[in-house]
Structures are given as C-alpha cells and as structure tokens.
Amino acid sequence: MVEISLPSALEMCRLGFATLVDIRQSFEIDMKGAIPDAVHIPMFEVKVMLGHTLTEDEQDILDAGQPKDMDATGFFTMINKLHNGHDHLLLCICNSGRRSVTAAEMLRSLGYPKALSVAGGFQAWKKLRAAQTAVQ
C-alpha cells in the first residue's frame, strides 16, 4: 500500500507529520498552479540523475520543459532532512496520482520507507480547494 487519500495527506501535513513533495515538472506547475507549502522535486530529473532510463513518454514530458540539472548531494540532503531529520512522511503528488506512485516506490527503493503517493494528485487537490471555496 503506497497510496494515501488527499484528505488524510492534508491532515498529516497540517499536523506536521508529513510534507507534500510535488514531483511534477516545472512547466506543469507554471501552467496549472502550485500547491502551497509543497516541496518541488521534479521526478524525471531525479530519475536521470540516478541513472534510470526514462520511458519515451517520460522523456517527451522532460523535453517539453526546461529541465534543471539535479545535484545528487542536494537531492539526498533535502530528502534526508525531510524524512529523517523531521521524521516526516514524504507524500508524493503529481497531476493525477499515477506518476506519484512510481515516485513513492522509487523513494522506498532508495531507503525512504515513509514515502507515499497522494491519490488523485493535483487534480483532486484542485477539486477539493474549489469545493471548499464554494462552501465559504
């Protein structure tokens, strides 16, 4: 089980037990919007940095933006600070919830067992936010 519901994820963050890790590419955040207080770590740059082969679709998405060179030391320092230093859950979130499952599994394979995927991703977050705004 590597998924957590969006309401549970947001509550864990609110209580200070978790951090949202937005794994979308920079251009996706620019186009669709950012999630407040989320840490941005673009997954495809991480995969390239770690020597993983990207699928054709992943490469197309990576090429659509302006990839940043990921520094391994900076990446692991950030993840260790969040995961180990704060004893936080790492809640990976993408656009729809599909890529974040892969990201959570990748983090787990790197020795971060508290990595989870947020079900529904940014699309679910946007719907929840719209519903909360409509109620107010």
Protein backbone atom coordinates (compact mmCIF):
# COMPACT_ATOMS: atom_id res chain seq x y z
CA MET A 1 0.00 0.00 0.00
CA VAL A 2 1.76 3.14 -1.19
CA GLU A 3 -1.25 5.46 -1.53
CA ILE A 4 -2.86 7.87 0.90
CA SER A 5 -6.09 9.79 0.34
CA LEU A 6 -5.86 13.52 -0.26
CA PRO A 7 -7.85 14.45 2.90
CA SER A 8 -5.58 12.21 5.02
CA ALA A 9 -2.47 13.64 3.35
CA LEU A 10 -3.56 17.21 4.01
CA GLU A 11 -4.38 16.41 7.63
CA MET A 12 -0.97 14.76 8.13
CA CYS A 13 0.68 17.90 6.71
CA ARG A 14 -1.47 20.17 8.88
CA LEU A 15 -0.44 18.21 11.97
CA GLY A 16 3.24 18.46 10.99
CA PHE A 17 3.76 14.74 10.37
CA ALA A 18 4.25 14.93 6.59
CA THR A 19 5.49 17.04 3.72
CA LEU A 20 3.93 17.19 0.26
CA VAL A 21 6.56 16.57 -2.41
CA ASP A 22 5.34 17.89 -5.77
CA ILE A 23 7.04 15.73 -8.38
CA ARG A 24 5.59 17.50 -11.43
CA GLN A 25 7.86 19.19 -13.92
CA SER A 26 8.36 22.95 -13.52
CA PHE A 27 6.33 23.78 -16.62
CA GLU A 28 3.37 21.81 -15.23
CA ILE A 29 3.42 23.89 -12.06
CA ASP A 30 3.73 27.08 -14.12
CA MET A 31 0.75 26.05 -16.28
CA LYS A 32 -1.57 24.53 -13.69
CA GLY A 33 -0.51 26.11 -10.42
CA ALA A 34 1.50 25.30 -7.33
CA ILE A 35 0.35 23.67 -4.12
CA PRO A 36 1.13 25.90 -1.14
CA ASP A 37 3.86 24.59 1.17
CA ALA A 38 4.76 21.69 -1.14
CA VAL A 39 8.44 20.96 -1.81
CA HIS A 40 9.14 20.77 -5.54
CA ILE A 41 11.35 17.86 -6.62
CA PRO A 42 10.82 17.04 -10.33
CA MET A 43 10.81 13.25 -10.62
CA PHE A 44 12.16 12.92 -14.14
CA GLU A 45 15.29 14.93 -13.30
CA VAL A 46 15.78 12.70 -10.25
CA LYS A 47 15.45 9.58 -12.38
CA VAL A 48 18.03 10.92 -14.86
CA MET A 49 20.36 11.90 -12.01
CA LEU A 50 20.11 8.37 -10.57
CA GLY A 51 20.90 6.82 -13.96
CA HIS A 52 17.40 5.43 -14.59
CA THR A 53 16.22 5.16 -18.18
CA LEU A 54 13.16 7.25 -18.95
CA THR A 55 10.31 5.84 -20.95
CA GLU A 56 9.56 7.57 -24.23
CA ASP A 57 6.58 9.36 -22.65
CA GLU A 58 8.68 10.48 -19.67
CA GLN A 59 11.39 11.77 -22.00
CA ASP A 60 8.78 13.70 -24.01
CA ILE A 61 7.48 15.33 -20.82
CA LEU A 62 11.02 16.12 -19.68
CA ASP A 63 11.85 17.63 -23.07
CA ALA A 64 8.66 19.76 -23.05
CA GLY A 65 10.08 21.96 -20.30
CA GLN A 66 13.48 23.26 -19.40
CA PRO A 67 14.97 20.52 -17.23
CA LYS A 68 17.15 21.53 -14.33
CA ASP A 69 20.28 19.61 -13.54
CA MET A 70 19.64 17.73 -10.31
CA ASP A 71 22.53 17.62 -7.91
CA ALA A 72 22.68 14.28 -6.08
CA THR A 73 24.09 15.80 -2.90
CA GLY A 74 21.40 18.47 -2.78
CA PHE A 75 18.64 15.95 -3.51
CA PHE A 76 19.67 13.48 -0.80
CA THR A 77 20.34 16.28 1.69
CA MET A 78 16.80 17.61 1.15
CA ILE A 79 15.16 14.19 1.33
CA ASN A 80 17.16 13.20 4.42
CA LYS A 81 16.26 16.48 6.13
CA LEU A 82 12.54 15.91 5.49
CA HIS A 83 12.38 12.16 6.00
CA ASN A 84 14.92 11.52 8.73
CA GLY A 85 15.51 14.92 10.30
CA HIS A 86 11.82 15.75 10.73
CA ASP A 87 10.68 12.10 10.82
CA HIS A 88 8.14 13.06 8.16
CA LEU A 89 6.12 11.08 5.72
CA LEU A 90 7.08 12.04 2.16
CA LEU A 91 3.78 12.45 0.32
CA CYS A 92 4.46 12.46 -3.42
CA ILE A 93 1.92 14.29 -5.54
CA CYS A 94 1.74 14.62 -9.32
CA ASN A 95 -1.02 15.77 -11.64
CA SER A 96 -3.34 12.74 -11.44
CA GLY A 97 -1.78 10.32 -8.97
CA ARG A 98 -0.16 7.91 -11.43
CA ARG A 99 3.43 9.19 -11.56
CA SER A 100 3.48 9.77 -7.81
CA VAL A 101 3.04 6.02 -7.19
CA THR A 102 6.25 5.45 -9.18
CA ALA A 103 7.97 8.27 -7.29
CA ALA A 104 6.96 6.83 -3.90
CA GLU A 105 8.14 3.38 -4.93
CA MET A 106 11.44 4.86 -6.16
CA LEU A 107 11.98 6.68 -2.84
CA ARG A 108 11.17 3.49 -0.94
CA SER A 109 13.73 1.59 -3.05
CA LEU A 110 16.29 4.25 -2.07
CA GLY A 111 15.68 3.57 1.63
CA TYR A 112 12.87 6.00 2.46
CA PRO A 113 10.07 3.71 3.68
CA LYS A 114 7.79 6.60 4.68
CA ALA A 115 7.16 7.65 1.07
CA LEU A 116 3.54 7.53 -0.10
CA SER A 117 1.58 8.64 -3.16
CA VAL A 118 -1.33 11.06 -2.83
CA ALA A 119 -4.33 9.53 -4.61
CA GLY A 120 -5.86 11.79 -7.27
CA GLY A 121 -2.91 14.19 -7.31
CA PHE A 122 -3.16 17.88 -8.15
CA GLN A 123 -6.48 17.36 -9.93
CA ALA A 124 -8.04 16.09 -6.68
CA TRP A 125 -6.41 18.93 -4.71
CA LYS A 126 -7.82 21.49 -7.14
CA LYS A 127 -11.35 19.99 -6.88
CA LEU A 128 -11.17 19.93 -3.09
CA ARG A 129 -9.99 23.52 -2.98
CA ALA A 130 -12.80 24.61 -5.34
CA ALA A 131 -15.37 22.82 -3.17
CA GLN A 132 -14.01 24.47 -0.01
CA THR A 133 -14.13 27.89 -1.70
CA ALA A 134 -17.74 27.30 -2.83
CA VAL A 135 -18.78 26.46 0.75
CA GLN A 136 -17.28 29.68 2.10
